[in-house]
Amino acid sequence: MLEGPAIKIVNLKANMPSVSEALQRLKSELALAHQQKRLVLKIIHGYGSKGVGGDIRIAVQKRLREMLDTKEIRGCIFGEEWSKSCDEVWKLLQARPELKSDADLGRCNRGITIVLL
């Protein structure tokens, strides 16, 4: 059973880090989440100041795809897919109904990614 909030929020874009700093924070936060036996993280990486992408978003999502391929994480759901209409999300919500209260659910927020540990 999770302690505290159903989903741990990790803000990688706080203090406007470089891409390498954001990736280091991601690595540290994932290690901490494993240690705390967390199952779900919401990574806030932003979508870029002009709304056209953002280097941190691109790098974080690339790294998470690599981690998924090497089975370091169980899954990742990009913000634009974080919706009840997505089969993977629907299954997750059935298993963990407390996640239905997440403010970004169904908002197509490209500035976040949900990580399943």
Protein backbone atom coordinates (compact mmCIF):
# COMPACT_ATOMS: atom_id res chain seq x y z
CA MET A 1 0.00 0.00 0.00
CA LEU A 2 1.25 3.48 -0.84
CA GLU A 3 1.98 5.94 1.91
CA GLY A 4 1.05 9.57 1.33
CA PRO A 5 -0.45 10.74 -1.95
CA ALA A 6 -1.43 8.15 -4.56
CA ILE A 7 0.97 9.68 -7.03
CA LYS A 8 4.30 11.28 -6.20
CA ILE A 9 4.89 14.49 -8.14
CA VAL A 10 8.44 15.22 -9.32
CA ASN A 11 9.05 18.67 -10.81
CA LEU A 12 12.09 18.41 -13.07
CA LYS A 13 11.66 21.89 -14.52
CA ALA A 14 11.87 23.74 -11.18
CA ASN A 15 14.66 26.34 -11.13
CA MET A 16 15.10 26.04 -14.91
CA PRO A 17 17.80 23.33 -14.96
CA SER A 18 19.90 22.32 -17.94
CA VAL A 19 18.93 19.12 -19.72
CA SER A 20 21.75 17.20 -18.02
CA GLU A 21 20.68 18.51 -14.59
CA ALA A 22 17.07 17.50 -15.28
CA LEU A 23 18.16 14.00 -16.32
CA GLN A 24 20.24 13.69 -13.16
CA ARG A 25 17.21 14.73 -11.07
CA LEU A 26 15.14 12.13 -12.91
CA LYS A 27 17.68 9.43 -12.09
CA SER A 28 17.81 10.47 -8.41
CA GLU A 29 14.03 10.69 -8.07
CA LEU A 30 13.51 7.28 -9.66
CA ALA A 31 16.06 5.73 -7.31
CA LEU A 32 14.34 7.38 -4.33
CA ALA A 33 10.92 6.21 -5.53
CA HIS A 34 12.20 2.62 -5.80
CA GLN A 35 13.64 2.90 -2.29
CA GLN A 36 10.31 4.26 -0.97
CA LYS A 37 8.45 1.50 -2.84
CA ARG A 38 6.46 4.03 -4.84
CA LEU A 39 4.49 2.63 -7.76
CA VAL A 40 3.52 5.76 -9.69
CA LEU A 41 5.29 9.08 -10.31
CA LYS A 42 4.11 12.13 -12.20
CA ILE A 43 7.10 13.77 -13.82
CA ILE A 44 6.66 17.46 -14.62
CA HIS A 45 9.10 18.29 -17.39
CA GLY A 46 7.25 21.11 -19.09
CA TYR A 47 6.49 21.55 -22.74
CA GLY A 48 8.88 24.36 -23.56
CA SER A 49 8.44 28.07 -22.94
CA LYS A 50 7.00 28.66 -26.40
CA GLY A 51 4.77 25.58 -26.37
CA VAL A 52 6.70 23.91 -29.18
CA GLY A 53 8.47 21.03 -27.47
CA GLY A 54 11.20 21.75 -25.02
CA ASP A 55 14.60 20.12 -24.70
CA ILE A 56 13.94 18.74 -21.21
CA ARG A 57 10.69 17.11 -22.32
CA ILE A 58 12.36 15.49 -25.31
CA ALA A 59 15.35 14.24 -23.30
CA VAL A 60 13.26 12.94 -20.38
CA GLN A 61 10.83 11.09 -22.63
CA LYS A 62 13.72 9.59 -24.62
CA ARG A 63 15.37 8.40 -21.40
CA LEU A 64 12.11 6.93 -20.10
CA ARG A 65 11.61 5.02 -23.38
CA GLU A 66 15.14 3.60 -22.97
CA MET A 67 14.36 2.61 -19.38
CA LEU A 68 11.16 0.93 -20.53
CA ASP A 69 13.10 -1.04 -23.15
CA THR A 70 15.60 -2.23 -20.53
CA LYS A 71 12.78 -2.96 -18.04
CA GLU A 72 14.08 -0.43 -15.48
CA ILE A 73 10.52 0.90 -15.30
CA ARG A 74 7.22 -0.90 -15.92
CA GLY A 75 5.66 1.80 -18.02
CA CYS A 76 5.36 5.43 -18.96
CA ILE A 77 2.31 7.31 -20.11
CA PHE A 78 2.91 10.64 -21.81
CA GLY A 79 0.61 13.45 -20.72
CA GLU A 80 -1.29 13.59 -24.00
CA GLU A 81 -2.29 9.93 -23.42
CA TRP A 82 -3.15 10.35 -19.70
CA SER A 83 -6.88 9.85 -20.28
CA LYS A 84 -9.55 7.31 -19.39
CA SER A 85 -10.00 6.65 -23.11
CA CYS A 86 -6.48 5.13 -23.32
CA ASP A 87 -6.61 1.35 -22.68
CA GLU A 88 -3.36 1.33 -20.65
CA VAL A 89 -4.58 4.20 -18.47
CA TRP A 90 -8.01 2.62 -18.00
CA LYS A 91 -6.40 -0.62 -16.76
CA LEU A 92 -4.18 1.36 -14.38
CA LEU A 93 -7.18 3.28 -13.03
CA GLN A 94 -9.07 0.03 -12.47
CA ALA A 95 -6.12 -1.31 -10.44
CA ARG A 96 -5.45 2.00 -8.64
CA PRO A 97 -8.73 3.95 -8.50
CA GLU A 98 -7.19 6.63 -6.29
CA LEU A 99 -5.36 7.91 -9.39
CA LYS A 100 -8.69 9.06 -10.86
CA SER A 101 -8.36 12.19 -8.72
CA ASP A 102 -5.19 13.36 -10.51
CA ALA A 103 -5.76 16.92 -11.75
CA ASP A 104 -4.07 16.23 -15.11
CA LEU A 105 -6.14 13.17 -15.99
CA GLY A 106 -7.90 13.84 -19.29
CA ARG A 107 -6.24 17.23 -19.87
CA CYS A 108 -3.79 16.22 -22.64
CA ASN A 109 -0.98 17.94 -20.71
CA ARG A 110 2.17 17.43 -22.80
CA GLY A 111 4.23 18.85 -19.94
CA ILE A 112 3.94 15.70 -17.81
CA THR A 113 4.67 11.99 -17.99
CA ILE A 114 3.32 9.28 -15.68
CA VAL A 115 5.92 6.66 -14.75
CA LEU A 116 5.01 3.19 -13.50
CA LEU A 117 7.65 1.53 -11.32
